[in-house]
Amino acid sequence: MIPIPSPLHPAVVHFPIVLILIGTAVALIAVFVRRWHLPLLAAILLTGGAAGAVVATWTGGEDEEMVGELSQRAEGVLEKHEEWGEFTRNVAIGTAVLALAAAALVAFPKAARGISLLTALAAVVASYGVAQTGHYGGQLVYKNGVGINTSASTGPASGEAPAKEKNRDDDDD
């Protein structure tokens, strides 16, 4: 039996990240190159990315309950991470619908090219959302220590907790 990671959110977020970013690259190429089934490939990648984004936002909401009490600063970063995650999910769903339409309209080249252009633009917006969501997710973990288990036996041999890096306020929230 395959063990299910706990928390699940960090394990699943990388799938939509990769699928949306690669899907965006393929969608951009598909605007100009209508060969090799590129519109269909873009639709598959972007639909997978949208489905993964739905799972990522769901697992994020579920795993949030395990976080516990946060500082006011960390709470603000978490809120931004959630907002960008939901934005990215919503744009990714819309992008997937456009990509599927572009692939379905292969018999109508002018319409398909126009929808491919809209798909590529929406995919760029979704990719920007991925970057922002990841930025705030990284801040949660690496600057605020959210989700880091300091009680694990991976610390120093003497049993003392690992030293926590000083929290810098020079970031651009």
Foldseek 3Di string as FASTA:
>chain_A
DDDQDVLNLVVLLVQLLVLLVVLLVLLVVCLPDVDPLSLVSSLVSLVSSLVSLVVNLVSLVVNVVVQPDFDPVLVVLSVQLNVLSVVLNVLSVVLSVLSVVLSVVSVPVVVSSVSSVVSSVSSVVSNVSSVSSVVSVCCNCQQRVGPPDQQDPPADPVNDTHDRDDRDPPDDD
